[in-house]
């Protein structure tokens, strides 16, 4: 919506922050929340204005695929927050050829790019990160990025990472899995996923005005609201400070992510000092909260 259209309608539907899920095409959402006509991405992007884009962690997309993604979000205020391919971040020596290919392939989406996610495994401490200067140089010359680390030393001594963040203008991902680890660990969805969801301290410091949250909620919704409230309050404060936060809502069972994200959004509306429009309706109409 243009400023003129907003003035004429008396309503501005622009979202002041980015809200997304880990993917746009989880099979369980089809015909429950979203439809696949003309595509799942087109359907997803009619509700949410960001996505993590985990698909690029596993392989570099083809030029045809990137063109289809661009077509699906044409005319929409939408951002991809892609992860770098794992053979760049998860190997002792990064595959620079793959990085260059990846950056070339996604170039047509440059104006639809949110912060890249540079996600590193638990074994990757500062000694490893210092070896990745060519990777950081290449990414920082084109895009914003946020770094997600899991090495214990970078939580007990966060100042070790700060010079790198400052040098490149990167943010640091705020990963919060407390809902899982303080909830029922015997839930079958949690048992199947905890090895992928690190139990790391929550560090809520914003670096270089890049606030990027990955909030992992429990499939048993009994106690999720307190974590939703906490991050909604932080997000409201960031909005007061003029930031544009990126909030990504996760769950070990992706089926629940859309409704959990809708709840976060509704909670934020009641806390924020700025006007936040309600999420657009789901492409598949919902009947109350029966889905949960």
C-alpha atoms as a PDB file:
ATOM      1  CA  UNK A   1       0.000   0.000   0.000  1.00  0.00           C
ATOM      2  CA  UNK A   2       1.331   3.430  -0.921  1.00  0.00           C
ATOM      3  CA  UNK A   3       1.163   6.412   1.428  1.00  0.00           C
ATOM      4  CA  UNK A   4      -1.493   7.930  -0.824  1.00  0.00           C
ATOM      5  CA  UNK A   5      -3.591   4.750  -0.684  1.00  0.00           C
ATOM      6  CA  UNK A   6      -3.252   4.661   3.099  1.00  0.00           C
ATOM      7  CA  UNK A   7      -4.426   8.272   3.335  1.00  0.00           C
ATOM      8  CA  UNK A   8      -7.368   7.652   1.033  1.00  0.00           C
ATOM      9  CA  UNK A   9      -8.542   4.558   2.888  1.00  0.00           C
ATOM     10  CA  UNK A  10      -7.849   5.968   6.326  1.00  0.00           C
ATOM     11  CA  UNK A  11      -5.984   2.772   7.125  1.00  0.00           C
ATOM     12  CA  UNK A  12      -2.322   1.779   6.824  1.00  0.00           C
ATOM     13  CA  UNK A  13      -1.843  -1.986   6.720  1.00  0.00           C
ATOM     14  CA  UNK A  14       1.951  -1.794   6.779  1.00  0.00           C
ATOM     15  CA  UNK A  15       3.474  -4.124   9.357  1.00  0.00           C
ATOM     16  CA  UNK A  16       6.104  -2.398  11.530  1.00  0.00           C
ATOM     17  CA  UNK A  17       7.994  -5.654  12.096  1.00  0.00           C
ATOM     18  CA  UNK A  18       8.726  -8.932  10.350  1.00  0.00           C
ATOM     19  CA  UNK A  19       6.841 -12.058  11.397  1.00  0.00           C
ATOM     20  CA  UNK A  20       7.595 -15.437   9.906  1.00  0.00           C
ATOM     21  CA  UNK A  21       7.880 -19.204  10.253  1.00  0.00           C
ATOM     22  CA  UNK A  22      10.733 -21.627   9.523  1.00  0.00           C
ATOM     23  CA  UNK A  23       9.252 -22.599   6.149  1.00  0.00           C
ATOM     24  CA  UNK A  24       6.437 -21.737   3.779  1.00  0.00           C
ATOM     25  CA  UNK A  25       5.479 -25.171   2.479  1.00  0.00           C
ATOM     26  CA  UNK A  26       5.009 -27.543   5.435  1.00  0.00           C
ATOM     27  CA  UNK A  27       2.684 -30.262   4.060  1.00  0.00           C
ATOM     28  CA  UNK A  28       0.387 -30.185   7.099  1.00  0.00           C
ATOM     29  CA  UNK A  29      -0.572 -26.573   6.376  1.00  0.00           C
ATOM     30  CA  UNK A  30      -1.938 -27.349   2.920  1.00  0.00           C
ATOM     31  CA  UNK A  31      -5.716 -27.054   2.854  1.00  0.00           C
ATOM     32  CA  UNK A  32      -5.697 -26.393   6.604  1.00  0.00           C
ATOM     33  CA  UNK A  33      -4.164 -22.895   6.668  1.00  0.00           C
ATOM     34  CA  UNK A  34      -2.789 -22.427   3.161  1.00  0.00           C
ATOM     35  CA  UNK A  35      -3.506 -23.481  -0.391  1.00  0.00           C
ATOM     36  CA  UNK A  36      -1.092 -24.408  -3.164  1.00  0.00           C
ATOM     37  CA  UNK A  37      -2.753 -22.246  -5.837  1.00  0.00           C
ATOM     38  CA  UNK A  38      -0.866 -20.622  -7.412  1.00  0.00           C
ATOM     39  CA  UNK A  39       1.782 -21.817  -4.932  1.00  0.00           C
ATOM     40  CA  UNK A  40       2.313 -22.379  -1.210  1.00  0.00           C
ATOM     41  CA  UNK A  41       4.720 -19.435  -1.107  1.00  0.00           C
ATOM     42  CA  UNK A  42       2.148 -17.123  -2.674  1.00  0.00           C
ATOM     43  CA  UNK A  43      -0.392 -18.336  -0.130  1.00  0.00           C
ATOM     44  CA  UNK A  44       2.020 -18.037   2.797  1.00  0.00           C
ATOM     45  CA  UNK A  45       3.134 -14.536   1.798  1.00  0.00           C
ATOM     46  CA  UNK A  46      -0.467 -13.340   1.749  1.00  0.00           C
ATOM     47  CA  UNK A  47      -0.403 -13.686   5.568  1.00  0.00           C
ATOM     48  CA  UNK A  48       3.230 -13.404   6.727  1.00  0.00           C
ATOM     49  CA  UNK A  49       5.834 -10.859   5.645  1.00  0.00           C
ATOM     50  CA  UNK A  50       8.994 -12.925   6.272  1.00  0.00           C
ATOM     51  CA  UNK A  51      10.281 -16.496   6.283  1.00  0.00           C
ATOM     52  CA  UNK A  52      13.465 -18.189   7.431  1.00  0.00           C
ATOM     53  CA  UNK A  53      13.997 -20.054   4.197  1.00  0.00           C
ATOM     54  CA  UNK A  54      15.679 -23.195   5.557  1.00  0.00           C
ATOM     55  CA  UNK A  55      15.693 -24.758   2.110  1.00  0.00           C
ATOM     56  CA  UNK A  56      18.940 -22.968   1.228  1.00  0.00           C
ATOM     57  CA  UNK A  57      20.714 -24.595   4.165  1.00  0.00           C
ATOM     58  CA  UNK A  58      20.550 -27.904   2.324  1.00  0.00           C
ATOM     59  CA  UNK A  59      21.117 -26.899  -1.293  1.00  0.00           C
ATOM     60  CA  UNK A  60      21.663 -23.946  -3.581  1.00  0.00           C
ATOM     61  CA  UNK A  61      18.400 -23.203  -5.420  1.00  0.00           C
ATOM     62  CA  UNK A  62      18.262 -23.316  -9.196  1.00  0.00           C
ATOM     63  CA  UNK A  63      17.712 -20.171 -11.242  1.00  0.00           C
ATOM     64  CA  UNK A  64      14.266 -21.483 -12.198  1.00  0.00           C
ATOM     65  CA  UNK A  65      13.363 -21.952  -8.537  1.00  0.00           C
ATOM     66  CA  UNK A  66      14.499 -18.436  -7.621  1.00  0.00           C
ATOM     67  CA  UNK A  67      12.401 -17.021 -10.490  1.00  0.00           C
ATOM     68  CA  UNK A  68       9.366 -18.904  -9.155  1.00  0.00           C
ATOM     69  CA  UNK A  69       9.960 -17.498  -5.670  1.00  0.00           C
ATOM     70  CA  UNK A  70      10.237 -13.966  -7.066  1.00  0.00           C
ATOM     71  CA  UNK A  71       7.007 -14.396  -9.013  1.00  0.00           C
ATOM     72  CA  UNK A  72       5.179 -15.758  -5.942  1.00  0.00           C
ATOM     73  CA  UNK A  73       5.869 -12.638  -3.853  1.00  0.00           C
ATOM     74  CA  UNK A  74       5.667 -10.030  -6.603  1.00  0.00           C
ATOM     75  CA  UNK A  75       4.157  -6.794  -5.317  1.00  0.00           C
ATOM     76  CA  UNK A  76       4.291  -7.892  -1.671  1.00  0.00           C
ATOM     77  CA  UNK A  77       6.209  -6.443   1.263  1.00  0.00           C
ATOM     78  CA  UNK A  78       8.033  -9.676   1.982  1.00  0.00           C
ATOM     79  CA  UNK A  79      11.539 -10.685   3.072  1.00  0.00           C
ATOM     80  CA  UNK A  80      13.490 -13.943   2.796  1.00  0.00           C
ATOM     81  CA  UNK A  81      15.894 -14.600   5.692  1.00  0.00           C
ATOM     82  CA  UNK A  82      17.881 -17.373   4.074  1.00  0.00           C
ATOM     83  CA  UNK A  83      20.417 -19.555   5.846  1.00  0.00           C
ATOM     84  CA  UNK A  84      23.782 -19.939   4.201  1.00  0.00           C
ATOM     85  CA  UNK A  85      24.333 -23.462   2.847  1.00  0.00           C
ATOM     86  CA  UNK A  86      25.682 -25.825   5.485  1.00  0.00           C
ATOM     87  CA  UNK A  87      28.846 -26.653   3.565  1.00  0.00           C
ATOM     88  CA  UNK A  88      29.824 -23.019   4.118  1.00  0.00           C
ATOM     89  CA  UNK A  89      29.024 -22.780   7.835  1.00  0.00           C
ATOM     90  CA  UNK A  90      29.306 -26.399   9.008  1.00  0.00           C
ATOM     91  CA  UNK A  91      32.681 -27.416   7.567  1.00  0.00           C
ATOM     92  CA  UNK A  92      36.132 -26.708   8.940  1.00  0.00           C
ATOM     93  CA  UNK A  93      36.979 -25.099   5.599  1.00  0.00           C
ATOM     94  CA  UNK A  94      34.106 -23.210   3.966  1.00  0.00           C
ATOM     95  CA  UNK A  95      33.208 -24.014   0.376  1.00  0.00           C
ATOM     96  CA  UNK A  96      33.711 -20.586  -1.208  1.00  0.00           C
ATOM     97  CA  UNK A  97      32.680 -21.848  -4.641  1.00  0.00           C
ATOM     98  CA  UNK A  98      29.283 -22.764  -3.225  1.00  0.00           C
ATOM     99  CA  UNK A  99      29.020 -19.376  -1.515  1.00  0.00           C
ATOM    100  CA  UNK A 100      29.687 -17.503  -4.750  1.00  0.00           C
ATOM    101  CA  UNK A 101      27.189 -19.659  -6.614  1.00  0.00           C
ATOM    102  CA  UNK A 102      24.602 -19.107  -3.871  1.00  0.00           C
ATOM    103  CA  UNK A 103      25.045 -15.319  -3.890  1.00  0.00           C
ATOM    104  CA  UNK A 104      24.784 -15.275  -7.675  1.00  0.00           C
ATOM    105  CA  UNK A 105      21.649 -17.426  -7.739  1.00  0.00           C
ATOM    106  CA  UNK A 106      19.698 -15.368  -5.206  1.00  0.00           C
ATOM    107  CA  UNK A 107      20.736 -12.002  -6.636  1.00  0.00           C
ATOM    108  CA  UNK A 108      17.346 -11.545  -8.389  1.00  0.00           C
ATOM    109  CA  UNK A 109      15.766 -11.469  -4.897  1.00  0.00           C
ATOM    110  CA  UNK A 110      18.118  -8.792  -3.550  1.00  0.00           C
ATOM    111  CA  UNK A 111      15.360  -6.260  -2.839  1.00  0.00           C
ATOM    112  CA  UNK A 112      13.335  -8.944  -1.047  1.00  0.00           C
ATOM    113  CA  UNK A 113      16.134 -10.051   1.251  1.00  0.00           C
ATOM    114  CA  UNK A 114      16.029  -9.798   5.015  1.00  0.00           C
ATOM    115  CA  UNK A 115      19.094 -10.598   7.110  1.00  0.00           C
ATOM    116  CA  UNK A 116      20.960 -13.728   6.105  1.00  0.00           C
ATOM    117  CA  UNK A 117      21.275 -16.305   8.871  1.00  0.00           C
ATOM    118  CA  UNK A 118      24.835 -17.469   9.466  1.00  0.00           C
ATOM    119  CA  UNK A 119      24.121 -20.473  11.680  1.00  0.00           C
ATOM    120  CA  UNK A 120      27.046 -22.367  13.206  1.00  0.00           C
ATOM    121  CA  UNK A 121      27.242 -25.732  15.012  1.00  0.00           C
ATOM    122  CA  UNK A 122      28.166 -26.184  18.664  1.00  0.00           C
ATOM    123  CA  UNK A 123      31.812 -26.979  17.876  1.00  0.00           C
ATOM    124  CA  UNK A 124      32.312 -23.688  16.025  1.00  0.00           C
ATOM    125  CA  UNK A 125      33.878 -21.225  18.460  1.00  0.00           C
ATOM    126  CA  UNK A 126      35.842 -18.069  17.767  1.00  0.00           C
ATOM    127  CA  UNK A 127      38.824 -19.972  16.377  1.00  0.00           C
ATOM    128  CA  UNK A 128      36.568 -21.283  13.601  1.00  0.00           C
ATOM    129  CA  UNK A 129      34.799 -17.983  13.016  1.00  0.00           C
ATOM    130  CA  UNK A 130      38.091 -16.156  12.558  1.00  0.00           C
ATOM    131  CA  UNK A 131      38.877 -18.472   9.643  1.00  0.00           C
ATOM    132  CA  UNK A 132      35.706 -17.354   7.858  1.00  0.00           C
ATOM    133  CA  UNK A 133      36.764 -13.814   7.017  1.00  0.00           C
ATOM    134  CA  UNK A 134      36.276 -14.398   3.253  1.00  0.00           C
ATOM    135  CA  UNK A 135      32.714 -15.593   3.918  1.00  0.00           C
ATOM    136  CA  UNK A 136      31.871 -12.616   6.103  1.00  0.00           C
ATOM    137  CA  UNK A 137      33.468 -10.196   3.641  1.00  0.00           C
ATOM    138  CA  UNK A 138      31.407 -11.588   0.759  1.00  0.00           C
ATOM    139  CA  UNK A 139      28.111 -11.567   2.660  1.00  0.00           C
ATOM    140  CA  UNK A 140      28.573  -8.151   4.276  1.00  0.00           C
ATOM    141  CA  UNK A 141      29.346  -6.516   0.939  1.00  0.00           C
ATOM    142  CA  UNK A 142      25.834  -7.330  -0.273  1.00  0.00           C
ATOM    143  CA  UNK A 143      23.454  -8.061   2.598  1.00  0.00           C
ATOM    144  CA  UNK A 144      22.626  -7.672   6.263  1.00  0.00           C
ATOM    145  CA  UNK A 145      23.250 -10.802   8.317  1.00  0.00           C
ATOM    146  CA  UNK A 146      22.720 -12.265  11.772  1.00  0.00           C
ATOM    147  CA  UNK A 147      25.016 -14.814  13.379  1.00  0.00           C
ATOM    148  CA  UNK A 148      23.649 -17.777  15.326  1.00  0.00           C
ATOM    149  CA  UNK A 149      26.274 -19.489  17.454  1.00  0.00           C
ATOM    150  CA  UNK A 150      25.943 -22.478  19.754  1.00  0.00           C
ATOM    151  CA  UNK A 151      29.447 -22.755  21.203  1.00  0.00           C
ATOM    152  CA  UNK A 152      29.293 -22.461  25.023  1.00  0.00           C
ATOM    153  CA  UNK A 153      32.230 -20.028  25.120  1.00  0.00           C
ATOM    154  CA  UNK A 154      30.243 -17.486  23.117  1.00  0.00           C
ATOM    155  CA  UNK A 155      27.482 -17.452  25.735  1.00  0.00           C
ATOM    156  CA  UNK A 156      29.696 -17.348  28.810  1.00  0.00           C
ATOM    157  CA  UNK A 157      31.894 -14.753  27.090  1.00  0.00           C
ATOM    158  CA  UNK A 158      29.667 -12.949  24.573  1.00  0.00           C
ATOM    159  CA  UNK A 159      32.248 -10.189  24.302  1.00  0.00           C
ATOM    160  CA  UNK A 160      34.422 -12.565  22.249  1.00  0.00           C
ATOM    161  CA  UNK A 161      31.966 -12.320  19.362  1.00  0.00           C
ATOM    162  CA  UNK A 162      31.271  -8.606  19.612  1.00  0.00           C
ATOM    163  CA  UNK A 163      34.276  -7.327  17.610  1.00  0.00           C
ATOM    164  CA  UNK A 164      33.248  -9.509  14.666  1.00  0.00           C
ATOM    165  CA  UNK A 165      29.668  -8.247  14.841  1.00  0.00           C
ATOM    166  CA  UNK A 166      30.844  -4.650  15.023  1.00  0.00           C
ATOM    167  CA  UNK A 167      33.318  -5.051  12.169  1.00  0.00           C
ATOM    168  CA  UNK A 168      30.716  -6.426   9.770  1.00  0.00           C
ATOM    169  CA  UNK A 169      27.576  -4.730  11.082  1.00  0.00           C
ATOM    170  CA  UNK A 170      26.011  -8.129  11.842  1.00  0.00           C
ATOM    171  CA  UNK A 171      23.368  -8.928  14.413  1.00  0.00           C
ATOM    172  CA  UNK A 172      23.249 -11.908  16.779  1.00  0.00           C
ATOM    173  CA  UNK A 173      20.330 -14.343  16.680  1.00  0.00           C
ATOM    174  CA  UNK A 174      18.363 -14.568  19.923  1.00  0.00           C
ATOM    175  CA  UNK A 175      17.400 -18.235  20.216  1.00  0.00           C
ATOM    176  CA  UNK A 176      14.916 -19.120  22.947  1.00  0.00           C
ATOM    177  CA  UNK A 177      14.089 -22.810  23.500  1.00  0.00           C
ATOM    178  CA  UNK A 178      13.041 -22.460  27.152  1.00  0.00           C
ATOM    179  CA  UNK A 179       9.458 -23.453  26.367  1.00  0.00           C
ATOM    180  CA  UNK A 180      10.751 -26.871  25.267  1.00  0.00           C
ATOM    181  CA  UNK A 181      13.227 -27.540  28.037  1.00  0.00           C
ATOM    182  CA  UNK A 182      11.025 -26.277  30.852  1.00  0.00           C
ATOM    183  CA  UNK A 183       8.002 -28.094  29.469  1.00  0.00           C
ATOM    184  CA  UNK A 184       7.183 -31.766  29.054  1.00  0.00           C
ATOM    185  CA  UNK A 185      10.334 -33.317  27.608  1.00  0.00           C
ATOM    186  CA  UNK A 186       8.531 -36.625  27.142  1.00  0.00           C
ATOM    187  CA  UNK A 187       6.114 -35.205  24.584  1.00  0.00           C
ATOM    188  CA  UNK A 188       6.739 -37.282  21.423  1.00  0.00           C
ATOM    189  CA  UNK A 189       7.283 -34.215  19.215  1.00  0.00           C
ATOM    190  CA  UNK A 190       9.824 -32.846  21.680  1.00  0.00           C
ATOM    191  CA  UNK A 191      11.637 -36.164  22.082  1.00  0.00           C
ATOM    192  CA  UNK A 192      12.102 -36.282  18.325  1.00  0.00           C
ATOM    193  CA  UNK A 193      13.442 -32.735  18.081  1.00  0.00           C
ATOM    194  CA  UNK A 194      15.485 -31.757  21.139  1.00  0.00           C
ATOM    195  CA  UNK A 195      18.727 -32.923  19.521  1.00  0.00           C
ATOM    196  CA  UNK A 196      18.147 -30.219  16.873  1.00  0.00           C
ATOM    197  CA  UNK A 197      17.044 -27.460  19.273  1.00  0.00           C
ATOM    198  CA  UNK A 198      19.937 -26.281  21.428  1.00  0.00           C
ATOM    199  CA  UNK A 199      19.369 -25.466  25.081  1.00  0.00           C
ATOM    200  CA  UNK A 200      21.430 -22.286  25.191  1.00  0.00           C
ATOM    201  CA  UNK A 201      21.166 -19.184  27.401  1.00  0.00           C
ATOM    202  CA  UNK A 202      18.914 -16.414  26.134  1.00  0.00           C
ATOM    203  CA  UNK A 203      20.906 -13.302  25.277  1.00  0.00           C
ATOM    204  CA  UNK A 204      18.581 -10.452  24.327  1.00  0.00           C
ATOM    205  CA  UNK A 205      21.172  -7.863  23.344  1.00  0.00           C
ATOM    206  CA  UNK A 206      20.561  -6.147  20.007  1.00  0.00           C
ATOM    207  CA  UNK A 207      23.656  -5.538  17.906  1.00  0.00           C
ATOM    208  CA  UNK A 208      23.727  -3.051  15.026  1.00  0.00           C
ATOM    209  CA  UNK A 209      19.954  -2.525  15.257  1.00  0.00           C
ATOM    210  CA  UNK A 210      19.305  -6.067  13.953  1.00  0.00           C
ATOM    211  CA  UNK A 211      16.826  -7.721  16.324  1.00  0.00           C
ATOM    212  CA  UNK A 212      16.311 -11.322  15.168  1.00  0.00           C
ATOM    213  CA  UNK A 213      14.437 -13.781  17.405  1.00  0.00           C
ATOM    214  CA  UNK A 214      13.867 -17.508  16.909  1.00  0.00           C
ATOM    215  CA  UNK A 215      11.233 -18.414  19.501  1.00  0.00           C
ATOM    216  CA  UNK A 216      10.706 -22.179  19.838  1.00  0.00           C
ATOM    217  CA  UNK A 217       7.403 -23.001  21.516  1.00  0.00           C
ATOM    218  CA  UNK A 218       6.150 -26.290  22.943  1.00  0.00           C
ATOM    219  CA  UNK A 219       3.597 -28.377  21.009  1.00  0.00           C
ATOM    220  CA  UNK A 220       1.694 -28.743  24.298  1.00  0.00           C
ATOM    221  CA  UNK A 221       0.426 -25.189  24.525  1.00  0.00           C
ATOM    222  CA  UNK A 222      -0.097 -25.199  28.298  1.00  0.00           C
ATOM    223  CA  UNK A 223       2.728 -22.828  29.217  1.00  0.00           C
ATOM    224  CA  UNK A 224       3.660 -21.075  25.976  1.00  0.00           C
ATOM    225  CA  UNK A 225       1.943 -17.798  26.718  1.00  0.00           C
ATOM    226  CA  UNK A 226       4.530 -16.599  29.248  1.00  0.00           C
ATOM    227  CA  UNK A 227       7.264 -16.843  26.626  1.00  0.00           C
ATOM    228  CA  UNK A 228       5.038 -15.174  24.046  1.00  0.00           C
ATOM    229  CA  UNK A 229       4.345 -12.361  26.511  1.00  0.00           C
ATOM    230  CA  UNK A 230       8.038 -11.889  27.291  1.00  0.00           C
ATOM    231  CA  UNK A 231       9.086 -11.569  23.663  1.00  0.00           C
ATOM    232  CA  UNK A 232       6.069  -9.465  22.728  1.00  0.00           C
ATOM    233  CA  UNK A 233       7.075  -6.991  25.464  1.00  0.00           C
ATOM    234  CA  UNK A 234      10.636  -6.894  24.128  1.00  0.00           C
ATOM    235  CA  UNK A 235       9.364  -6.430  20.590  1.00  0.00           C
ATOM    236  CA  UNK A 236       7.102  -3.577  21.676  1.00  0.00           C
ATOM    237  CA  UNK A 237      10.118  -1.874  23.243  1.00  0.00           C
ATOM    238  CA  UNK A 238      12.201  -2.364  20.100  1.00  0.00           C
ATOM    239  CA  UNK A 239       9.430  -0.773  18.055  1.00  0.00           C
ATOM    240  CA  UNK A 240       9.523   2.221  20.410  1.00  0.00           C
ATOM    241  CA  UNK A 241      13.245   2.473  19.675  1.00  0.00           C
ATOM    242  CA  UNK A 242      12.609   2.546  15.934  1.00  0.00           C
ATOM    243  CA  UNK A 243      13.857  -0.967  15.197  1.00  0.00           C
ATOM    244  CA  UNK A 244      12.243  -3.370  12.730  1.00  0.00           C
ATOM    245  CA  UNK A 245      12.454  -6.706  14.606  1.00  0.00           C
ATOM    246  CA  UNK A 246      12.409 -10.087  12.881  1.00  0.00           C
ATOM    247  CA  UNK A 247      10.383 -12.634  14.882  1.00  0.00           C
ATOM    248  CA  UNK A 248      10.411 -16.258  13.724  1.00  0.00           C
ATOM    249  CA  UNK A 249       8.026 -18.632  15.475  1.00  0.00           C
ATOM    250  CA  UNK A 250       9.067 -22.288  15.739  1.00  0.00           C
ATOM    251  CA  UNK A 251       7.702 -25.506  17.189  1.00  0.00           C
ATOM    252  CA  UNK A 252       9.040 -29.091  16.967  1.00  0.00           C
ATOM    253  CA  UNK A 253       5.789 -29.863  15.142  1.00  0.00           C
ATOM    254  CA  UNK A 254       5.534 -27.230  12.410  1.00  0.00           C
ATOM    255  CA  UNK A 255       1.793 -27.744  12.201  1.00  0.00           C
ATOM    256  CA  UNK A 256       1.279 -25.443  15.194  1.00  0.00           C
ATOM    257  CA  UNK A 257       3.514 -22.615  14.012  1.00  0.00           C
ATOM    258  CA  UNK A 258       0.890 -20.566  12.128  1.00  0.00           C
ATOM    259  CA  UNK A 259      -1.498 -20.346  15.081  1.00  0.00           C
ATOM    260  CA  UNK A 260       1.326 -19.689  17.536  1.00  0.00           C
ATOM    261  CA  UNK A 261       2.532 -16.853  15.297  1.00  0.00           C
ATOM    262  CA  UNK A 262      -0.976 -15.435  15.117  1.00  0.00           C
ATOM    263  CA  UNK A 263      -1.113 -15.455  18.910  1.00  0.00           C
ATOM    264  CA  UNK A 264       2.227 -13.675  19.182  1.00  0.00           C
ATOM    265  CA  UNK A 265       0.954 -11.024  16.788  1.00  0.00           C
ATOM    266  CA  UNK A 266      -2.295 -10.533  18.703  1.00  0.00           C
ATOM    267  CA  UNK A 267      -0.343 -10.246  21.964  1.00  0.00           C
ATOM    268  CA  UNK A 268       1.969  -7.645  20.446  1.00  0.00           C
ATOM    269  CA  UNK A 269      -0.951  -5.577  19.149  1.00  0.00           C
ATOM    270  CA  UNK A 270      -2.148  -5.163  22.743  1.00  0.00           C
ATOM    271  CA  UNK A 271       1.304  -4.105  23.998  1.00  0.00           C
ATOM    272  CA  UNK A 272       2.709  -1.883  21.259  1.00  0.00           C
ATOM    273  CA  UNK A 273       2.468   1.895  21.193  1.00  0.00           C
ATOM    274  CA  UNK A 274       2.358   1.923  17.397  1.00  0.00           C
ATOM    275  CA  UNK A 275      -0.517   0.815  15.230  1.00  0.00           C
ATOM    276  CA  UNK A 276      -0.174  -2.809  14.160  1.00  0.00           C
ATOM    277  CA  UNK A 277      -2.801  -4.220  11.802  1.00  0.00           C
ATOM    278  CA  UNK A 278      -4.289  -7.659  12.381  1.00  0.00           C
ATOM    279  CA  UNK A 279      -2.831 -10.436  10.269  1.00  0.00           C
ATOM    280  CA  UNK A 280      -4.644 -10.957   6.974  1.00  0.00           C
ATOM    281  CA  UNK A 281      -7.083 -13.883   7.003  1.00  0.00           C
ATOM    282  CA  UNK A 282      -5.806 -17.362   6.277  1.00  0.00           C
ATOM    283  CA  UNK A 283      -6.332 -18.502   2.691  1.00  0.00           C
ATOM    284  CA  UNK A 284      -8.199 -21.443   4.237  1.00  0.00           C
ATOM    285  CA  UNK A 285     -10.893 -20.016   6.551  1.00  0.00           C
ATOM    286  CA  UNK A 286     -10.542 -21.065  10.182  1.00  0.00           C
ATOM    287  CA  UNK A 287     -13.287 -22.053  12.598  1.00  0.00           C
ATOM    288  CA  UNK A 288     -12.385 -20.529  15.941  1.00  0.00           C
ATOM    289  CA  UNK A 289      -9.480 -22.219  17.687  1.00  0.00           C
ATOM    290  CA  UNK A 290     -10.560 -25.781  16.957  1.00  0.00           C
ATOM    291  CA  UNK A 291      -7.290 -26.468  15.142  1.00  0.00           C
ATOM    292  CA  UNK A 292      -5.361 -26.264  18.406  1.00  0.00           C
END
